[in-house]
Amino acid sequence: MNEEITAPKVRLVGPDGQMIGVVTAPEAIAKANEYGLDLIEISPNADPPVCKVIDYGKFKYEIQKKKNEARKKQKVIAIKEIKMRPGIDEHDYQVKMRSVRRFLDEGDKVKMTIRFRGREMVHMELGTRVLDRIRADVDAIAKVEQTPRTEGRMMTMVIAPK
């Protein structure tokens, strides 16, 4: 901005957006002072660098506004976890599946966890069967992002919305 601009020549844009042309840096600063505004380097990598005559405070405000607008539009994807047991009852399964569908509709990923306790570790295929059933039930609205994987006494699978 102003005297901090080191390029010998700059492409100058006026306060109302019209192109003034290529001038030396001191001439551009004098022109900005003539308008009672600041000279801001907009595109330093161009040849010659592009500078604009604008109010610096207003320029900073506009940039901040754009950043806030961009932050509002981004969606943070969370991973929600649903825990089950291999011998889950039908009604309990349906309740859990309602939660899974709600999470997927909201755009979140869902981590399905089957917890094995005691002798259930011998029957790992029961957990696999439950996860296969979940995969079949949500096939229309979600895709499996991480296939079922066993970690100690837990079997996990991650599903994401389509």
N, C-alpha and C. Protein backbone atom coordinates (compact mmCIF):
# COMPACT_ATOMS: atom_id res chain seq x y z
N MET A 1 0.84 -1.18 0.00
CA MET A 1 0.00 0.00 0.00
C MET A 1 0.89 1.24 0.00
N ASN A 2 0.51 2.25 -0.74
CA ASN A 2 1.21 3.53 -0.86
C ASN A 2 2.72 3.39 -1.03
N GLU A 3 3.54 3.92 -0.11
CA GLU A 3 5.00 3.94 -0.27
C GLU A 3 5.65 2.55 -0.16
N GLU A 4 4.91 1.55 0.29
CA GLU A 4 5.47 0.20 0.43
C GLU A 4 5.56 -0.52 -0.92
N ILE A 5 4.96 0.02 -1.96
CA ILE A 5 4.99 -0.60 -3.29
C ILE A 5 6.38 -0.36 -3.88
N THR A 6 7.10 -1.46 -4.22
CA THR A 6 8.50 -1.36 -4.66
C THR A 6 8.67 -1.41 -6.17
N ALA A 7 7.67 -1.81 -6.92
CA ALA A 7 7.79 -1.93 -8.37
C ALA A 7 8.01 -0.55 -9.00
N PRO A 8 8.89 -0.45 -10.00
CA PRO A 8 9.14 0.86 -10.63
C PRO A 8 7.92 1.36 -11.42
N LYS A 9 7.24 0.45 -12.11
CA LYS A 9 6.05 0.84 -12.88
C LYS A 9 4.87 -0.03 -12.45
N VAL A 10 3.67 0.55 -12.45
CA VAL A 10 2.47 -0.18 -12.07
C VAL A 10 1.35 0.11 -13.05
N ARG A 11 0.42 -0.86 -13.17
CA ARG A 11 -0.78 -0.65 -13.97
C ARG A 11 -1.82 -0.07 -13.02
N LEU A 12 -2.28 1.14 -13.28
CA LEU A 12 -3.13 1.86 -12.35
C LEU A 12 -4.60 1.78 -12.75
N VAL A 13 -5.44 1.46 -11.75
CA VAL A 13 -6.89 1.43 -11.93
C VAL A 13 -7.46 2.53 -11.03
N GLY A 14 -8.34 3.36 -11.59
CA GLY A 14 -8.90 4.49 -10.85
C GLY A 14 -9.91 4.08 -9.80
N PRO A 15 -10.38 5.04 -8.99
CA PRO A 15 -11.32 4.73 -7.91
C PRO A 15 -12.68 4.23 -8.41
N ASP A 16 -13.07 4.60 -9.62
CA ASP A 16 -14.35 4.14 -10.16
C ASP A 16 -14.21 2.93 -11.07
N GLY A 17 -13.01 2.29 -11.07
CA GLY A 17 -12.81 1.06 -11.81
C GLY A 17 -12.28 1.23 -13.23
N GLN A 18 -12.10 2.46 -13.70
CA GLN A 18 -11.60 2.63 -15.07
C GLN A 18 -10.08 2.49 -15.08
N MET A 19 -9.54 1.96 -16.19
CA MET A 19 -8.10 1.74 -16.33
C MET A 19 -7.43 3.07 -16.69
N ILE A 20 -6.46 3.49 -15.88
CA ILE A 20 -5.73 4.74 -16.15
C ILE A 20 -4.53 4.44 -17.04
N GLY A 21 -3.84 3.31 -16.79
CA GLY A 21 -2.72 2.91 -17.63
C GLY A 21 -1.49 2.58 -16.81
N VAL A 22 -0.35 2.36 -17.52
CA VAL A 22 0.91 2.04 -16.86
C VAL A 22 1.63 3.34 -16.53
N VAL A 23 1.91 3.54 -15.24
CA VAL A 23 2.60 4.76 -14.78
C VAL A 23 3.67 4.34 -13.76
N THR A 24 4.55 5.28 -13.42
CA THR A 24 5.56 4.97 -12.40
C THR A 24 4.88 4.96 -11.03
N ALA A 25 5.52 4.31 -10.08
CA ALA A 25 4.95 4.19 -8.74
C ALA A 25 4.74 5.55 -8.07
N PRO A 26 5.73 6.47 -8.13
CA PRO A 26 5.50 7.79 -7.51
C PRO A 26 4.32 8.55 -8.15
N GLU A 27 4.17 8.41 -9.48
CA GLU A 27 3.03 9.07 -10.16
C GLU A 27 1.71 8.49 -9.65
N ALA A 28 1.68 7.17 -9.48
CA ALA A 28 0.47 6.50 -9.01
C ALA A 28 0.12 6.95 -7.59
N ILE A 29 1.14 7.10 -6.73
CA ILE A 29 0.91 7.55 -5.35
C ILE A 29 0.39 8.99 -5.36
N ALA A 30 0.96 9.82 -6.24
CA ALA A 30 0.51 11.22 -6.35
C ALA A 30 -0.95 11.26 -6.81
N LYS A 31 -1.31 10.39 -7.75
CA LYS A 31 -2.69 10.33 -8.25
C LYS A 31 -3.64 9.93 -7.11
N ALA A 32 -3.22 8.94 -6.29
CA ALA A 32 -4.05 8.49 -5.17
C ALA A 32 -4.23 9.63 -4.16
N ASN A 33 -3.16 10.35 -3.88
CA ASN A 33 -3.26 11.49 -2.96
C ASN A 33 -4.17 12.57 -3.51
N GLU A 34 -4.14 12.74 -4.82
CA GLU A 34 -5.00 13.73 -5.49
C GLU A 34 -6.49 13.41 -5.23
N TYR A 35 -6.80 12.09 -5.24
CA TYR A 35 -8.18 11.67 -4.96
C TYR A 35 -8.47 11.64 -3.46
N GLY A 36 -7.43 11.72 -2.63
CA GLY A 36 -7.60 11.63 -1.18
C GLY A 36 -7.81 10.19 -0.72
N LEU A 37 -7.29 9.23 -1.51
CA LEU A 37 -7.44 7.81 -1.20
C LEU A 37 -6.07 7.14 -1.12
N ASP A 38 -6.05 5.81 -0.97
CA ASP A 38 -4.80 5.06 -0.88
C ASP A 38 -4.55 4.28 -2.17
N LEU A 39 -3.26 3.98 -2.41
CA LEU A 39 -2.87 3.14 -3.54
C LEU A 39 -2.62 1.74 -3.00
N ILE A 40 -3.40 0.77 -3.45
CA ILE A 40 -3.31 -0.61 -2.95
C ILE A 40 -2.85 -1.51 -4.09
N GLU A 41 -1.87 -2.37 -3.81
CA GLU A 41 -1.39 -3.34 -4.80
C GLU A 41 -2.34 -4.53 -4.79
N ILE A 42 -3.10 -4.69 -5.86
CA ILE A 42 -4.13 -5.74 -5.94
C ILE A 42 -3.51 -7.05 -6.43
N SER A 43 -2.73 -6.98 -7.49
CA SER A 43 -2.15 -8.19 -8.09
C SER A 43 -0.63 -8.02 -8.22
N PRO A 44 0.14 -8.40 -7.19
CA PRO A 44 1.59 -8.17 -7.21
C PRO A 44 2.34 -9.06 -8.20
N ASN A 45 1.77 -10.20 -8.60
CA ASN A 45 2.47 -11.12 -9.49
C ASN A 45 2.31 -10.77 -10.97
N ALA A 46 1.44 -9.85 -11.29
CA ALA A 46 1.24 -9.46 -12.69
C ALA A 46 2.45 -8.65 -13.17
N ASP A 47 2.57 -8.47 -14.48
CA ASP A 47 3.69 -7.69 -15.03
C ASP A 47 3.15 -6.60 -15.92
N PRO A 48 3.17 -5.35 -15.56
CA PRO A 48 3.54 -4.78 -14.26
C PRO A 48 2.43 -5.02 -13.22
N PRO A 49 2.76 -4.90 -11.91
CA PRO A 49 1.77 -5.13 -10.86
C PRO A 49 0.56 -4.20 -11.00
N VAL A 50 -0.63 -4.74 -10.67
CA VAL A 50 -1.86 -3.95 -10.77
C VAL A 50 -2.11 -3.26 -9.43
N CYS A 51 -2.30 -1.95 -9.47
CA CYS A 51 -2.60 -1.18 -8.27
C CYS A 51 -3.91 -0.43 -8.48
N LYS A 52 -4.65 -0.26 -7.38
CA LYS A 52 -5.95 0.39 -7.47
C LYS A 52 -6.01 1.54 -6.47
N VAL A 53 -6.68 2.61 -6.86
CA VAL A 53 -6.86 3.76 -5.98
C VAL A 53 -8.19 3.57 -5.26
N ILE A 54 -8.11 3.19 -3.96
CA ILE A 54 -9.31 2.99 -3.14
C ILE A 54 -9.02 3.35 -1.69
N ASP A 55 -10.07 3.43 -0.90
CA ASP A 55 -9.93 3.68 0.54
C ASP A 55 -9.51 2.37 1.20
N TYR A 56 -8.37 2.37 1.92
CA TYR A 56 -7.82 1.15 2.50
C TYR A 56 -8.76 0.53 3.54
N GLY A 57 -9.39 1.34 4.37
CA GLY A 57 -10.33 0.83 5.38
C GLY A 57 -11.49 0.10 4.74
N LYS A 58 -12.02 0.69 3.67
CA LYS A 58 -13.14 0.07 2.95
C LYS A 58 -12.70 -1.24 2.29
N PHE A 59 -11.47 -1.24 1.76
CA PHE A 59 -10.90 -2.42 1.12
C PHE A 59 -10.79 -3.57 2.12
N LYS A 60 -10.26 -3.30 3.33
CA LYS A 60 -10.13 -4.32 4.37
C LYS A 60 -11.50 -4.83 4.79
N TYR A 61 -12.47 -3.93 4.89
CA TYR A 61 -13.83 -4.31 5.28
C TYR A 61 -14.43 -5.26 4.25
N GLU A 62 -14.25 -4.97 2.97
CA GLU A 62 -14.78 -5.82 1.89
C GLU A 62 -14.15 -7.22 1.93
N ILE A 63 -12.84 -7.27 2.16
CA ILE A 63 -12.15 -8.57 2.23
C ILE A 63 -12.70 -9.38 3.41
N GLN A 64 -12.88 -8.73 4.57
CA GLN A 64 -13.39 -9.41 5.76
C GLN A 64 -14.80 -9.94 5.50
N LYS A 65 -15.61 -9.14 4.81
CA LYS A 65 -16.98 -9.54 4.50
C LYS A 65 -16.99 -10.79 3.61
N LYS A 66 -16.10 -10.82 2.62
CA LYS A 66 -16.01 -11.98 1.73
C LYS A 66 -15.60 -13.23 2.49
N LYS A 67 -14.63 -13.09 3.41
CA LYS A 67 -14.19 -14.23 4.22
C LYS A 67 -15.33 -14.77 5.07
N ASN A 68 -16.08 -13.87 5.71
CA ASN A 68 -17.20 -14.30 6.55
C ASN A 68 -18.27 -15.00 5.73
N GLU A 69 -18.53 -14.49 4.54
CA GLU A 69 -19.53 -15.10 3.66
C GLU A 69 -19.10 -16.50 3.24
N ALA A 70 -17.81 -16.67 2.94
CA ALA A 70 -17.29 -17.98 2.54
C ALA A 70 -17.37 -18.96 3.71
N ARG A 71 -17.11 -18.46 4.92
CA ARG A 71 -17.16 -19.34 6.09
C ARG A 71 -18.59 -19.80 6.37
N LYS A 72 -19.57 -18.94 6.12
CA LYS A 72 -20.97 -19.31 6.33
C LYS A 72 -21.39 -20.44 5.41
N LYS A 73 -20.85 -20.44 4.19
CA LYS A 73 -21.30 -21.39 3.18
C LYS A 73 -20.69 -22.77 3.33
N GLN A 74 -19.59 -22.91 4.10
CA GLN A 74 -19.00 -24.23 4.19
C GLN A 74 -19.72 -25.10 5.21
N LYS A 75 -19.80 -26.38 4.89
CA LYS A 75 -20.48 -27.35 5.75
C LYS A 75 -19.43 -28.23 6.40
N VAL A 76 -19.45 -28.30 7.71
CA VAL A 76 -18.51 -29.15 8.43
C VAL A 76 -19.13 -30.55 8.52
N ILE A 77 -18.41 -31.53 7.98
CA ILE A 77 -18.93 -32.89 7.99
C ILE A 77 -18.42 -33.57 9.26
N ALA A 78 -19.35 -33.98 10.08
CA ALA A 78 -18.99 -34.66 11.33
C ALA A 78 -19.14 -36.16 11.15
N ILE A 79 -18.46 -36.91 11.99
CA ILE A 79 -18.63 -38.37 11.98
C ILE A 79 -19.41 -38.72 13.24
N LYS A 80 -20.62 -39.23 13.02
CA LYS A 80 -21.47 -39.66 14.13
C LYS A 80 -21.26 -41.16 14.32
N GLU A 81 -21.28 -41.61 15.56
CA GLU A 81 -21.05 -43.02 15.82
C GLU A 81 -22.30 -43.68 16.40
N ILE A 82 -22.64 -44.84 15.86
CA ILE A 82 -23.75 -45.65 16.36
C ILE A 82 -23.15 -46.97 16.82
N LYS A 83 -23.40 -47.31 18.08
CA LYS A 83 -22.86 -48.56 18.64
C LYS A 83 -23.96 -49.61 18.75
N MET A 84 -23.61 -50.83 18.41
CA MET A 84 -24.55 -51.96 18.49
C MET A 84 -23.83 -53.17 19.06
N ARG A 85 -24.60 -54.19 19.34
CA ARG A 85 -24.07 -55.48 19.77
C ARG A 85 -24.43 -56.49 18.68
N PRO A 86 -23.71 -57.60 18.59
CA PRO A 86 -24.01 -58.57 17.52
C PRO A 86 -25.40 -59.19 17.65
N GLY A 87 -25.94 -59.33 18.84
CA GLY A 87 -27.26 -59.94 19.00
C GLY A 87 -28.34 -58.90 19.18
N ILE A 88 -28.30 -57.81 18.42
CA ILE A 88 -29.26 -56.71 18.58
C ILE A 88 -30.67 -57.16 18.21
N ASP A 89 -31.64 -56.72 18.99
CA ASP A 89 -33.04 -57.07 18.77
C ASP A 89 -33.59 -56.25 17.60
N GLU A 90 -34.65 -56.72 16.98
CA GLU A 90 -35.23 -56.08 15.79
C GLU A 90 -35.66 -54.63 16.06
N HIS A 91 -36.38 -54.40 17.13
CA HIS A 91 -36.87 -53.05 17.42
C HIS A 91 -35.70 -52.10 17.69
N ASP A 92 -34.71 -52.56 18.46
CA ASP A 92 -33.53 -51.74 18.73
C ASP A 92 -32.81 -51.41 17.43
N TYR A 93 -32.72 -52.40 16.54
CA TYR A 93 -32.08 -52.19 15.25
C TYR A 93 -32.80 -51.09 14.46
N GLN A 94 -34.14 -51.15 14.44
CA GLN A 94 -34.92 -50.15 13.70
C GLN A 94 -34.72 -48.75 14.27
N VAL A 95 -34.65 -48.64 15.61
CA VAL A 95 -34.42 -47.34 16.25
C VAL A 95 -33.06 -46.78 15.83
N LYS A 96 -32.03 -47.64 15.86
CA LYS A 96 -30.68 -47.22 15.46
C LYS A 96 -30.66 -46.80 13.99
N MET A 97 -31.37 -47.54 13.15
CA MET A 97 -31.38 -47.23 11.71
C MET A 97 -32.07 -45.90 11.43
N ARG A 98 -33.08 -45.55 12.24
CA ARG A 98 -33.70 -44.22 12.09
C ARG A 98 -32.68 -43.12 12.35
N SER A 99 -31.85 -43.31 13.37
CA SER A 99 -30.80 -42.34 13.68
C SER A 99 -29.78 -42.28 12.55
N VAL A 100 -29.42 -43.43 12.01
CA VAL A 100 -28.45 -43.47 10.90
C VAL A 100 -28.99 -42.68 9.71
N ARG A 101 -30.25 -42.93 9.36
CA ARG A 101 -30.85 -42.21 8.21
C ARG A 101 -30.89 -40.71 8.46
N ARG A 102 -31.22 -40.30 9.69
CA ARG A 102 -31.27 -38.88 10.02
C ARG A 102 -29.88 -38.24 9.87
N PHE A 103 -28.85 -38.93 10.38
CA PHE A 103 -27.49 -38.40 10.27
C PHE A 103 -27.07 -38.28 8.81
N LEU A 104 -27.39 -39.30 8.01
CA LEU A 104 -27.02 -39.26 6.59
C LEU A 104 -27.77 -38.16 5.86
N ASP A 105 -29.04 -37.94 6.20
CA ASP A 105 -29.81 -36.87 5.57
C ASP A 105 -29.24 -35.50 5.90
N GLU A 106 -28.66 -35.36 7.10
CA GLU A 106 -28.05 -34.08 7.51
C GLU A 106 -26.69 -33.89 6.87
N GLY A 107 -26.19 -34.90 6.14
CA GLY A 107 -24.91 -34.79 5.44
C GLY A 107 -23.72 -35.26 6.25
N ASP A 108 -23.95 -35.93 7.37
CA ASP A 108 -22.84 -36.41 8.20
C ASP A 108 -22.48 -37.84 7.84
N LYS A 109 -21.23 -38.21 8.12
CA LYS A 109 -20.81 -39.60 7.97
C LYS A 109 -21.21 -40.34 9.23
N VAL A 110 -21.39 -41.65 9.11
CA VAL A 110 -21.78 -42.46 10.27
C VAL A 110 -20.79 -43.62 10.42
N LYS A 111 -20.27 -43.75 11.64
CA LYS A 111 -19.38 -44.86 11.96
C LYS A 111 -20.18 -45.89 12.73
N MET A 112 -20.37 -47.05 12.13
CA MET A 112 -21.12 -48.13 12.76
C MET A 112 -20.14 -49.00 13.54
N THR A 113 -20.40 -49.20 14.83
CA THR A 113 -19.50 -49.99 15.67
C THR A 113 -20.27 -51.14 16.29
N ILE A 114 -19.75 -52.34 16.10
CA ILE A 114 -20.31 -53.53 16.75
C ILE A 114 -19.34 -53.90 17.87
N ARG A 115 -19.84 -53.91 19.11
CA ARG A 115 -19.02 -54.24 20.28
C ARG A 115 -19.23 -55.70 20.66
N PHE A 116 -18.13 -56.42 20.80
CA PHE A 116 -18.19 -57.83 21.21
C PHE A 116 -17.75 -57.94 22.67
N ARG A 117 -18.52 -58.70 23.46
CA ARG A 117 -18.17 -58.89 24.86
C ARG A 117 -18.08 -60.38 25.16
N GLY A 118 -17.12 -60.73 25.99
CA GLY A 118 -16.99 -62.12 26.43
C GLY A 118 -16.83 -63.11 25.30
N ARG A 119 -17.69 -64.15 25.30
CA ARG A 119 -17.58 -65.23 24.31
C ARG A 119 -18.10 -64.84 22.94
N GLU A 120 -18.68 -63.63 22.81
CA GLU A 120 -19.17 -63.20 21.49
C GLU A 120 -18.02 -63.11 20.49
N MET A 121 -16.78 -62.98 20.97
CA MET A 121 -15.62 -62.88 20.09
C MET A 121 -15.49 -64.13 19.20
N VAL A 122 -16.00 -65.25 19.67
CA VAL A 122 -15.93 -66.49 18.90
C VAL A 122 -16.82 -66.39 17.66
N HIS A 123 -17.91 -65.63 17.76
CA HIS A 123 -18.89 -65.54 16.68
C HIS A 123 -18.80 -64.17 15.97
N MET A 124 -17.66 -63.90 15.35
CA MET A 124 -17.45 -62.64 14.63
C MET A 124 -18.40 -62.52 13.43
N GLU A 125 -18.82 -63.65 12.88
CA GLU A 125 -19.70 -63.61 11.70
C GLU A 125 -21.04 -62.97 12.03
N LEU A 126 -21.47 -62.99 13.30
CA LEU A 126 -22.73 -62.33 13.68
C LEU A 126 -22.60 -60.81 13.48
N GLY A 127 -21.46 -60.26 13.87
CA GLY A 127 -21.21 -58.83 13.67
C GLY A 127 -21.14 -58.48 12.20
N THR A 128 -20.50 -59.35 11.43
CA THR A 128 -20.40 -59.13 9.98
C THR A 128 -21.79 -59.14 9.35
N ARG A 129 -22.63 -60.06 9.82
CA ARG A 129 -24.00 -60.14 9.30
C ARG A 129 -24.79 -58.86 9.59
N VAL A 130 -24.65 -58.32 10.80
CA VAL A 130 -25.35 -57.08 11.16
C VAL A 130 -24.87 -55.94 10.27
N LEU A 131 -23.55 -55.82 10.06
CA LEU A 131 -23.02 -54.74 9.21
C LEU A 131 -23.46 -54.91 7.76
N ASP A 132 -23.54 -56.16 7.28
CA ASP A 132 -24.02 -56.40 5.92
C ASP A 132 -25.48 -55.98 5.78
N ARG A 133 -26.25 -56.24 6.81
CA ARG A 133 -27.67 -55.85 6.81
C ARG A 133 -27.79 -54.32 6.78
N ILE A 134 -26.96 -53.64 7.57
CA ILE A 134 -26.96 -52.16 7.57
C ILE A 134 -26.61 -51.65 6.18
N ARG A 135 -25.57 -52.24 5.58
CA ARG A 135 -25.14 -51.82 4.24
C ARG A 135 -26.28 -51.97 3.24
N ALA A 136 -27.02 -53.06 3.31
CA ALA A 136 -28.14 -53.30 2.40
C ALA A 136 -29.28 -52.31 2.65
N ASP A 137 -29.53 -51.98 3.93
CA ASP A 137 -30.63 -51.07 4.26
C ASP A 137 -30.37 -49.63 3.82
N VAL A 138 -29.12 -49.18 3.87
CA VAL A 138 -28.83 -47.78 3.52
C VAL A 138 -28.22 -47.64 2.12
N ASP A 139 -28.25 -48.71 1.35
CA ASP A 139 -27.63 -48.71 0.02
C ASP A 139 -28.16 -47.60 -0.88
N ALA A 140 -29.44 -47.26 -0.75
CA ALA A 140 -30.04 -46.25 -1.63
C ALA A 140 -29.57 -44.83 -1.30
N ILE A 141 -29.26 -44.56 -0.03
CA ILE A 141 -28.93 -43.19 0.36
C ILE A 141 -27.47 -42.99 0.77
N ALA A 142 -26.69 -44.09 0.87
CA ALA A 142 -25.31 -43.95 1.33
C ALA A 142 -24.40 -44.96 0.66
N LYS A 143 -23.10 -44.68 0.76
CA LYS A 143 -22.10 -45.61 0.24
C LYS A 143 -21.14 -45.95 1.37
N VAL A 144 -20.56 -47.14 1.32
CA VAL A 144 -19.62 -47.57 2.35
C VAL A 144 -18.28 -46.92 2.05
N GLU A 145 -17.80 -46.13 3.00
CA GLU A 145 -16.52 -45.45 2.81
C GLU A 145 -15.37 -46.29 3.36
N GLN A 146 -15.63 -47.01 4.43
CA GLN A 146 -14.62 -47.90 5.00
C GLN A 146 -15.28 -49.24 5.27
N THR A 147 -14.79 -50.27 4.63
CA THR A 147 -15.39 -51.61 4.78
C THR A 147 -15.22 -52.10 6.22
N PRO A 148 -16.04 -53.06 6.64
CA PRO A 148 -15.95 -53.55 8.03
C PRO A 148 -14.54 -54.02 8.38
N ARG A 149 -14.07 -53.52 9.52
CA ARG A 149 -12.72 -53.83 9.96
C ARG A 149 -12.74 -54.14 11.45
N THR A 150 -12.02 -55.17 11.86
CA THR A 150 -11.99 -55.57 13.27
C THR A 150 -10.79 -54.93 13.95
N GLU A 151 -11.05 -54.27 15.08
CA GLU A 151 -9.99 -53.67 15.89
C GLU A 151 -10.23 -54.12 17.32
N GLY A 152 -9.51 -55.12 17.75
CA GLY A 152 -9.68 -55.63 19.11
C GLY A 152 -11.05 -56.26 19.28
N ARG A 153 -11.85 -55.72 20.21
CA ARG A 153 -13.19 -56.25 20.46
C ARG A 153 -14.27 -55.47 19.71
N MET A 154 -13.85 -54.64 18.75
CA MET A 154 -14.81 -53.82 18.01
C MET A 154 -14.70 -54.11 16.51
N MET A 155 -15.83 -54.04 15.84
CA MET A 155 -15.84 -54.15 14.38
C MET A 155 -16.48 -52.86 13.89
N THR A 156 -15.78 -52.11 13.03
CA THR A 156 -16.29 -50.81 12.60
C THR A 156 -16.45 -50.73 11.09
N MET A 157 -17.37 -49.87 10.66
CA MET A 157 -17.59 -49.60 9.25
C MET A 157 -18.05 -48.14 9.15
N VAL A 158 -17.52 -47.40 8.19
CA VAL A 158 -17.92 -45.99 8.01
C VAL A 158 -18.75 -45.87 6.75
N ILE A 159 -19.92 -45.21 6.86
CA ILE A 159 -20.75 -44.97 5.69
C ILE A 159 -20.93 -43.46 5.52
N ALA A 160 -20.96 -43.02 4.26
CA ALA A 160 -21.09 -41.59 3.97
C ALA A 160 -22.29 -41.39 3.05
N PRO A 161 -22.94 -40.22 3.12
CA PRO A 161 -24.09 -39.98 2.23
C PRO A 161 -23.66 -39.91 0.78
N LYS A 162 -24.55 -40.32 -0.12
CA LYS A 162 -24.23 -40.28 -1.56
C LYS A 162 -24.29 -38.85 -2.06
